[in-house]
């Protein structure tokens, strides 16, 4: 699951370069004709646009990745420069969606460890995620109980 972004960081950098070139080019023409304040405002504008695009680029690659393995349910989350990995016991994992609100996240917990996922999904997609995780974890729980009974 990843953030819905229109531009990659590289594309955003190219757009910023184009905006700076056009804005500063026009401002330079006005500055040469004596209107030097246009250049000051153009520099202020390109700085503000640069700051906004920098924030955009830092979060353009945010994502959540959920993998069910035999030994663990691995949840990886990238948020800006932070990377978080949480390993949960799939045999004891519980999946819940406290309510169907717009901002309510899917809660996965096992043995006292909790993690919220689904930040980049719509409410209906979160419901589908809960169903899919419950189905997958039910199979993992059955596999876990069969392997331990045979020992």
N, C-alpha and C. Protein backbone atom coordinates (compact mmCIF):
# COMPACT_ATOMS: atom_id res chain seq x y z
N UNK A 1 0.84 -1.15 0.00
CA UNK A 1 0.00 0.00 0.00
C UNK A 1 0.90 1.23 0.00
N UNK A 2 0.68 2.09 -0.95
CA UNK A 2 1.51 3.28 -0.99
C UNK A 2 0.67 4.52 -1.20
N UNK A 3 1.28 5.63 -0.92
CA UNK A 3 0.63 6.93 -1.05
C UNK A 3 0.33 7.19 -2.53
N UNK A 4 -0.80 7.82 -2.79
CA UNK A 4 -1.19 8.14 -4.15
C UNK A 4 -0.54 9.48 -4.53
N UNK A 5 0.52 9.42 -5.30
CA UNK A 5 1.25 10.63 -5.72
C UNK A 5 1.33 10.69 -7.24
N UNK A 6 1.17 11.89 -7.79
CA UNK A 6 1.20 12.06 -9.23
C UNK A 6 2.61 12.11 -9.79
N UNK A 7 3.54 12.62 -9.00
CA UNK A 7 4.92 12.80 -9.48
C UNK A 7 5.90 12.02 -8.61
N UNK A 8 6.90 11.48 -9.27
CA UNK A 8 8.01 10.90 -8.52
C UNK A 8 8.90 12.06 -8.06
N UNK A 9 9.78 11.83 -7.10
CA UNK A 9 10.68 12.91 -6.69
C UNK A 9 11.51 13.47 -7.85
N UNK A 10 11.93 12.62 -8.76
CA UNK A 10 12.73 13.10 -9.91
C UNK A 10 11.89 14.00 -10.80
N UNK A 11 10.64 13.61 -11.06
CA UNK A 11 9.75 14.44 -11.87
C UNK A 11 9.46 15.78 -11.18
N UNK A 12 9.29 15.75 -9.86
CA UNK A 12 9.04 16.99 -9.12
C UNK A 12 10.24 17.93 -9.23
N UNK A 13 11.44 17.37 -9.20
CA UNK A 13 12.65 18.18 -9.34
C UNK A 13 12.71 18.81 -10.74
N UNK A 14 12.34 18.07 -11.76
CA UNK A 14 12.31 18.62 -13.12
C UNK A 14 11.27 19.73 -13.24
N UNK A 15 10.10 19.53 -12.65
CA UNK A 15 9.06 20.57 -12.68
C UNK A 15 9.54 21.82 -11.95
N UNK A 16 10.20 21.62 -10.81
CA UNK A 16 10.73 22.77 -10.06
C UNK A 16 11.77 23.53 -10.87
N UNK A 17 12.64 22.81 -11.54
CA UNK A 17 13.63 23.46 -12.40
C UNK A 17 12.98 24.27 -13.51
N UNK A 18 11.93 23.73 -14.10
CA UNK A 18 11.21 24.44 -15.15
C UNK A 18 10.53 25.69 -14.60
N UNK A 19 9.90 25.57 -13.44
CA UNK A 19 9.24 26.73 -12.81
C UNK A 19 10.26 27.81 -12.48
N UNK A 20 11.40 27.41 -11.91
CA UNK A 20 12.44 28.39 -11.57
C UNK A 20 12.97 29.09 -12.82
N UNK A 21 13.22 28.33 -13.85
CA UNK A 21 13.76 28.91 -15.09
C UNK A 21 12.80 29.94 -15.67
N UNK A 22 11.52 29.57 -15.75
CA UNK A 22 10.53 30.48 -16.33
C UNK A 22 10.35 31.73 -15.45
N UNK A 23 10.16 31.51 -14.15
CA UNK A 23 9.90 32.63 -13.25
C UNK A 23 11.08 33.58 -13.18
N UNK A 24 12.27 33.03 -12.99
CA UNK A 24 13.45 33.89 -12.87
C UNK A 24 13.82 34.53 -14.21
N UNK A 25 13.53 33.85 -15.32
CA UNK A 25 13.77 34.45 -16.64
C UNK A 25 12.90 35.68 -16.86
N UNK A 26 11.63 35.54 -16.54
CA UNK A 26 10.71 36.68 -16.67
C UNK A 26 11.10 37.80 -15.71
N UNK A 27 11.46 37.43 -14.48
CA UNK A 27 11.86 38.43 -13.49
C UNK A 27 13.11 39.17 -13.92
N UNK A 28 14.03 38.45 -14.56
CA UNK A 28 15.27 39.08 -15.03
C UNK A 28 14.98 40.12 -16.10
N UNK A 29 14.03 39.83 -16.99
CA UNK A 29 13.65 40.81 -18.03
C UNK A 29 13.10 42.08 -17.37
N UNK A 30 12.24 41.92 -16.38
CA UNK A 30 11.69 43.09 -15.69
C UNK A 30 12.77 43.83 -14.90
N UNK A 31 13.70 43.08 -14.31
CA UNK A 31 14.78 43.71 -13.55
C UNK A 31 15.66 44.56 -14.47
N UNK A 32 15.95 44.07 -15.66
CA UNK A 32 16.76 44.83 -16.62
C UNK A 32 16.04 46.09 -17.10
N UNK A 33 14.73 46.12 -16.99
CA UNK A 33 13.96 47.30 -17.38
C UNK A 33 13.72 48.24 -16.18
N UNK A 34 14.29 47.90 -15.03
CA UNK A 34 14.22 48.80 -13.89
C UNK A 34 13.27 48.38 -12.78
N UNK A 35 12.51 47.32 -12.96
CA UNK A 35 11.56 46.89 -11.93
C UNK A 35 12.22 45.77 -11.11
N UNK A 36 13.15 46.15 -10.27
CA UNK A 36 13.95 45.18 -9.52
C UNK A 36 13.14 44.43 -8.46
N UNK A 37 11.98 44.99 -8.03
CA UNK A 37 11.15 44.32 -7.02
C UNK A 37 10.56 43.00 -7.56
N UNK A 38 10.40 42.93 -8.87
CA UNK A 38 9.87 41.69 -9.46
C UNK A 38 10.83 40.54 -9.18
N UNK A 39 12.12 40.78 -9.26
CA UNK A 39 13.11 39.74 -8.98
C UNK A 39 13.04 39.29 -7.52
N UNK A 40 12.84 40.24 -6.61
CA UNK A 40 12.74 39.88 -5.19
C UNK A 40 11.53 38.98 -4.95
N UNK A 41 10.41 39.32 -5.54
CA UNK A 41 9.21 38.49 -5.36
C UNK A 41 9.35 37.14 -6.08
N UNK A 42 10.04 37.12 -7.20
CA UNK A 42 10.27 35.86 -7.91
C UNK A 42 11.14 34.92 -7.08
N UNK A 43 12.16 35.47 -6.42
CA UNK A 43 13.00 34.65 -5.54
C UNK A 43 12.21 34.13 -4.35
N UNK A 44 11.36 34.96 -3.81
CA UNK A 44 10.50 34.54 -2.69
C UNK A 44 9.55 33.43 -3.14
N UNK A 45 8.98 33.60 -4.31
CA UNK A 45 8.04 32.59 -4.84
C UNK A 45 8.74 31.26 -5.10
N UNK A 46 9.89 31.28 -5.75
CA UNK A 46 10.59 30.02 -6.05
C UNK A 46 11.07 29.34 -4.77
N UNK A 47 11.40 30.11 -3.75
CA UNK A 47 11.79 29.52 -2.46
C UNK A 47 10.60 28.81 -1.82
N UNK A 48 9.44 29.46 -1.85
CA UNK A 48 8.23 28.86 -1.25
C UNK A 48 7.82 27.60 -2.01
N UNK A 49 7.86 27.65 -3.33
CA UNK A 49 7.52 26.46 -4.13
C UNK A 49 8.54 25.35 -3.87
N UNK A 50 9.80 25.70 -3.74
CA UNK A 50 10.84 24.71 -3.44
C UNK A 50 10.61 24.03 -2.10
N UNK A 51 10.23 24.80 -1.09
CA UNK A 51 9.95 24.22 0.23
C UNK A 51 8.76 23.26 0.16
N UNK A 52 7.72 23.66 -0.56
CA UNK A 52 6.55 22.79 -0.69
C UNK A 52 6.89 21.50 -1.44
N UNK A 53 7.67 21.60 -2.50
CA UNK A 53 8.06 20.40 -3.25
C UNK A 53 9.02 19.52 -2.46
N UNK A 54 9.84 20.12 -1.62
CA UNK A 54 10.73 19.32 -0.78
C UNK A 54 9.91 18.47 0.19
N UNK A 55 8.90 19.08 0.80
CA UNK A 55 8.02 18.32 1.69
C UNK A 55 7.30 17.22 0.91
N UNK A 56 6.82 17.54 -0.28
CA UNK A 56 6.15 16.55 -1.12
C UNK A 56 7.08 15.38 -1.44
N UNK A 57 8.31 15.69 -1.84
CA UNK A 57 9.27 14.63 -2.22
C UNK A 57 9.65 13.74 -1.05
N UNK A 58 9.72 14.30 0.15
CA UNK A 58 10.08 13.50 1.33
C UNK A 58 9.02 12.44 1.63
N UNK A 59 7.77 12.72 1.25
CA UNK A 59 6.69 11.79 1.55
C UNK A 59 6.11 11.11 0.31
N UNK A 60 6.66 11.35 -0.86
CA UNK A 60 6.12 10.75 -2.09
C UNK A 60 6.30 9.23 -2.12
N UNK A 61 7.31 8.74 -1.45
CA UNK A 61 7.59 7.30 -1.47
C UNK A 61 7.14 6.59 -0.20
N UNK A 62 6.29 7.22 0.60
CA UNK A 62 5.74 6.58 1.80
C UNK A 62 4.95 5.35 1.39
N UNK A 63 5.04 4.30 2.20
CA UNK A 63 4.29 3.08 1.90
C UNK A 63 4.15 2.20 3.14
N UNK A 64 3.27 1.23 3.03
CA UNK A 64 3.11 0.17 4.03
C UNK A 64 3.17 -1.15 3.28
N UNK A 65 3.85 -2.10 3.85
CA UNK A 65 4.03 -3.40 3.21
C UNK A 65 3.73 -4.47 4.26
N UNK A 66 2.80 -5.36 3.96
CA UNK A 66 2.43 -6.42 4.90
C UNK A 66 2.72 -7.75 4.24
N UNK A 67 3.52 -8.59 4.92
CA UNK A 67 3.90 -9.90 4.40
C UNK A 67 3.61 -10.95 5.46
N UNK A 68 2.91 -12.00 5.06
CA UNK A 68 2.64 -13.12 5.97
C UNK A 68 3.60 -14.25 5.61
N UNK A 69 4.46 -14.59 6.55
CA UNK A 69 5.40 -15.71 6.39
C UNK A 69 5.00 -16.81 7.36
N UNK A 70 5.68 -17.92 7.26
CA UNK A 70 5.37 -19.03 8.17
C UNK A 70 5.61 -18.65 9.63
N UNK A 71 6.68 -17.91 9.88
CA UNK A 71 7.07 -17.62 11.26
C UNK A 71 6.61 -16.26 11.77
N UNK A 72 6.17 -15.35 10.87
CA UNK A 72 5.77 -14.03 11.34
C UNK A 72 4.90 -13.30 10.33
N UNK A 73 4.19 -12.32 10.86
CA UNK A 73 3.48 -11.35 10.04
C UNK A 73 4.33 -10.09 10.10
N UNK A 74 4.93 -9.74 8.99
CA UNK A 74 5.86 -8.61 8.93
C UNK A 74 5.14 -7.38 8.38
N UNK A 75 5.18 -6.29 9.14
CA UNK A 75 4.60 -5.03 8.71
C UNK A 75 5.74 -4.02 8.60
N UNK A 76 5.96 -3.50 7.40
CA UNK A 76 6.99 -2.48 7.16
C UNK A 76 6.28 -1.18 6.79
N UNK A 77 6.74 -0.09 7.38
CA UNK A 77 6.15 1.21 7.10
C UNK A 77 7.26 2.22 6.86
N UNK A 78 7.16 2.96 5.76
CA UNK A 78 8.08 4.04 5.45
C UNK A 78 7.30 5.35 5.52
N UNK A 79 7.78 6.27 6.35
CA UNK A 79 7.14 7.56 6.52
C UNK A 79 8.23 8.62 6.51
N UNK A 80 8.39 9.26 5.36
CA UNK A 80 9.48 10.23 5.22
C UNK A 80 10.81 9.51 5.27
N UNK A 81 11.65 9.88 6.23
CA UNK A 81 12.95 9.23 6.36
C UNK A 81 12.93 8.09 7.37
N UNK A 82 11.79 7.88 8.04
CA UNK A 82 11.69 6.81 9.05
C UNK A 82 11.24 5.51 8.40
N UNK A 83 11.87 4.42 8.80
CA UNK A 83 11.49 3.08 8.37
C UNK A 83 11.22 2.26 9.63
N UNK A 84 10.05 1.64 9.69
CA UNK A 84 9.67 0.85 10.86
C UNK A 84 9.30 -0.56 10.41
N UNK A 85 9.82 -1.55 11.12
CA UNK A 85 9.47 -2.95 10.88
C UNK A 85 8.92 -3.53 12.17
N UNK A 86 7.76 -4.18 12.07
CA UNK A 86 7.15 -4.83 13.22
C UNK A 86 6.88 -6.27 12.84
N UNK A 87 7.35 -7.19 13.69
CA UNK A 87 7.11 -8.62 13.47
C UNK A 87 6.09 -9.09 14.50
N UNK A 88 5.03 -9.72 14.00
CA UNK A 88 3.96 -10.22 14.86
C UNK A 88 3.84 -11.73 14.71
N UNK A 89 3.39 -12.38 15.75
CA UNK A 89 3.15 -13.82 15.72
C UNK A 89 1.84 -14.07 14.99
N UNK A 90 1.86 -14.72 13.82
CA UNK A 90 0.63 -14.89 13.06
C UNK A 90 -0.40 -15.81 13.73
N UNK A 91 0.06 -16.72 14.59
CA UNK A 91 -0.86 -17.62 15.26
C UNK A 91 -1.69 -16.91 16.33
N UNK A 92 -1.21 -15.78 16.81
CA UNK A 92 -1.92 -15.05 17.86
C UNK A 92 -2.37 -13.65 17.42
N UNK A 93 -2.27 -13.37 16.14
CA UNK A 93 -2.61 -12.04 15.63
C UNK A 93 -4.12 -11.87 15.51
N UNK A 94 -4.58 -10.69 15.88
CA UNK A 94 -5.98 -10.31 15.75
C UNK A 94 -6.05 -9.05 14.90
N UNK A 95 -7.01 -9.02 13.99
CA UNK A 95 -7.20 -7.88 13.10
C UNK A 95 -8.54 -7.25 13.42
N UNK A 96 -8.55 -5.93 13.59
CA UNK A 96 -9.81 -5.25 13.88
C UNK A 96 -9.85 -3.88 13.21
N UNK A 97 -11.06 -3.43 12.99
CA UNK A 97 -11.31 -2.09 12.48
C UNK A 97 -12.31 -1.47 13.45
N UNK A 98 -11.84 -0.62 14.39
CA UNK A 98 -12.70 -0.12 15.46
C UNK A 98 -14.04 0.45 14.98
N UNK A 99 -14.03 1.21 13.91
CA UNK A 99 -15.29 1.66 13.29
C UNK A 99 -15.01 1.94 11.83
N UNK A 100 -16.04 2.21 11.08
CA UNK A 100 -15.89 2.40 9.63
C UNK A 100 -15.69 3.86 9.28
N UNK A 101 -15.12 4.65 10.18
CA UNK A 101 -14.89 6.07 9.93
C UNK A 101 -13.83 6.30 8.87
N UNK A 102 -13.80 7.50 8.36
CA UNK A 102 -12.87 7.84 7.29
C UNK A 102 -11.42 7.75 7.75
N UNK A 103 -11.13 8.14 8.98
CA UNK A 103 -9.75 8.17 9.47
C UNK A 103 -9.38 6.98 10.34
N UNK A 104 -10.26 6.00 10.49
CA UNK A 104 -9.98 4.84 11.33
C UNK A 104 -9.06 3.89 10.60
N UNK A 105 -7.98 3.49 11.27
CA UNK A 105 -7.01 2.58 10.68
C UNK A 105 -7.26 1.15 11.14
N UNK A 106 -6.74 0.21 10.39
CA UNK A 106 -6.83 -1.21 10.72
C UNK A 106 -5.82 -1.49 11.84
N UNK A 107 -6.27 -2.14 12.89
CA UNK A 107 -5.42 -2.46 14.02
C UNK A 107 -5.08 -3.95 13.99
N UNK A 108 -3.78 -4.25 13.99
CA UNK A 108 -3.31 -5.63 14.05
C UNK A 108 -2.50 -5.75 15.34
N UNK A 109 -2.86 -6.75 16.16
CA UNK A 109 -2.14 -6.93 17.41
C UNK A 109 -1.91 -8.40 17.68
N UNK A 110 -0.79 -8.68 18.33
CA UNK A 110 -0.43 -10.04 18.72
C UNK A 110 0.51 -9.96 19.91
N UNK A 111 0.16 -10.66 20.97
CA UNK A 111 0.99 -10.74 22.18
C UNK A 111 1.40 -9.37 22.70
N UNK A 112 0.47 -8.44 22.72
CA UNK A 112 0.72 -7.11 23.28
C UNK A 112 1.36 -6.12 22.33
N UNK A 113 1.76 -6.55 21.15
CA UNK A 113 2.35 -5.65 20.15
C UNK A 113 1.24 -5.22 19.19
N UNK A 114 1.09 -3.90 19.03
CA UNK A 114 0.03 -3.36 18.18
C UNK A 114 0.64 -2.53 17.06
N UNK A 115 0.01 -2.59 15.90
CA UNK A 115 0.42 -1.75 14.78
C UNK A 115 -0.83 -1.37 13.99
N UNK A 116 -0.87 -0.11 13.54
CA UNK A 116 -1.97 0.38 12.73
C UNK A 116 -1.52 0.46 11.28
N UNK A 117 -2.36 -0.02 10.38
CA UNK A 117 -2.04 -0.01 8.95
C UNK A 117 -3.25 0.49 8.16
N UNK A 118 -3.03 0.78 6.89
CA UNK A 118 -4.11 1.21 6.01
C UNK A 118 -4.21 2.71 5.84
N UNK A 119 -3.13 3.44 6.08
CA UNK A 119 -3.16 4.89 5.98
C UNK A 119 -3.50 5.40 4.58
N UNK A 120 -3.13 4.66 3.57
CA UNK A 120 -3.27 5.13 2.20
C UNK A 120 -4.44 4.46 1.48
N UNK A 121 -5.33 3.83 2.24
CA UNK A 121 -6.48 3.15 1.66
C UNK A 121 -7.77 3.91 1.94
N UNK A 122 -8.74 3.73 1.07
CA UNK A 122 -10.07 4.28 1.30
C UNK A 122 -10.76 3.42 2.36
N UNK A 123 -11.83 3.93 2.98
CA UNK A 123 -12.53 3.12 3.99
C UNK A 123 -13.00 1.76 3.47
N UNK A 124 -13.49 1.71 2.24
CA UNK A 124 -13.93 0.41 1.70
C UNK A 124 -12.75 -0.52 1.45
N UNK A 125 -11.62 0.02 1.04
CA UNK A 125 -10.42 -0.81 0.85
C UNK A 125 -9.88 -1.31 2.18
N UNK A 126 -10.06 -0.53 3.25
CA UNK A 126 -9.65 -0.99 4.59
C UNK A 126 -10.49 -2.19 5.03
N UNK A 127 -11.79 -2.14 4.75
CA UNK A 127 -12.65 -3.29 5.07
C UNK A 127 -12.19 -4.54 4.31
N UNK A 128 -11.84 -4.36 3.05
CA UNK A 128 -11.35 -5.49 2.25
C UNK A 128 -10.02 -6.00 2.81
N UNK A 129 -9.16 -5.10 3.26
CA UNK A 129 -7.90 -5.50 3.87
C UNK A 129 -8.14 -6.33 5.13
N UNK A 130 -9.09 -5.91 5.96
CA UNK A 130 -9.42 -6.65 7.18
C UNK A 130 -9.89 -8.06 6.82
N UNK A 131 -10.77 -8.17 5.84
CA UNK A 131 -11.25 -9.49 5.43
C UNK A 131 -10.11 -10.37 4.93
N UNK A 132 -9.26 -9.79 4.08
CA UNK A 132 -8.16 -10.57 3.52
C UNK A 132 -7.16 -11.00 4.59
N UNK A 133 -6.83 -10.11 5.51
CA UNK A 133 -5.90 -10.46 6.58
C UNK A 133 -6.48 -11.52 7.50
N UNK A 134 -7.75 -11.40 7.84
CA UNK A 134 -8.38 -12.40 8.70
C UNK A 134 -8.38 -13.78 8.03
N UNK A 135 -8.68 -13.81 6.74
CA UNK A 135 -8.67 -15.08 6.01
C UNK A 135 -7.26 -15.67 6.00
N UNK A 136 -6.27 -14.85 5.69
CA UNK A 136 -4.89 -15.34 5.64
C UNK A 136 -4.40 -15.79 7.01
N UNK A 137 -4.73 -15.04 8.04
CA UNK A 137 -4.29 -15.39 9.39
C UNK A 137 -5.02 -16.62 9.92
N UNK A 138 -6.25 -16.83 9.50
CA UNK A 138 -6.98 -18.03 9.90
C UNK A 138 -6.25 -19.26 9.37
N UNK A 139 -5.79 -19.17 8.14
CA UNK A 139 -5.02 -20.27 7.56
C UNK A 139 -3.70 -20.47 8.29
N UNK A 140 -3.05 -19.38 8.68
CA UNK A 140 -1.78 -19.48 9.42
C UNK A 140 -2.01 -20.07 10.79
N UNK A 141 -3.11 -19.72 11.43
CA UNK A 141 -3.42 -20.24 12.75
C UNK A 141 -3.69 -21.74 12.69
N UNK A 142 -4.40 -22.18 11.65
CA UNK A 142 -4.66 -23.61 11.49
C UNK A 142 -3.36 -24.36 11.24
N UNK A 143 -2.49 -23.81 10.41
CA UNK A 143 -1.21 -24.44 10.12
C UNK A 143 -0.37 -24.52 11.39
N UNK A 144 -0.38 -23.45 12.20
CA UNK A 144 0.38 -23.41 13.44
C UNK A 144 -0.11 -24.49 14.41
N UNK A 145 -1.43 -24.61 14.55
CA UNK A 145 -1.96 -25.59 15.50
C UNK A 145 -1.71 -27.01 15.02
N UNK A 146 -1.73 -27.27 13.71
CA UNK A 146 -1.45 -28.62 13.20
C UNK A 146 0.00 -29.01 13.41
N UNK A 147 0.92 -28.07 13.18
CA UNK A 147 2.34 -28.42 13.34
C UNK A 147 2.69 -28.66 14.79
N UNK A 148 2.05 -27.94 15.72
CA UNK A 148 2.37 -28.13 17.13
C UNK A 148 1.69 -29.37 17.70
N UNK A 149 0.57 -29.80 17.15
CA UNK A 149 -0.08 -31.02 17.62
C UNK A 149 0.72 -32.26 17.26
N UNK A 150 1.38 -32.18 16.10
CA UNK A 150 2.11 -33.36 15.63
C UNK A 150 3.43 -33.56 16.37
N UNK A 151 3.87 -32.57 17.13
CA UNK A 151 5.15 -32.70 17.84
C UNK A 151 5.06 -33.53 19.05
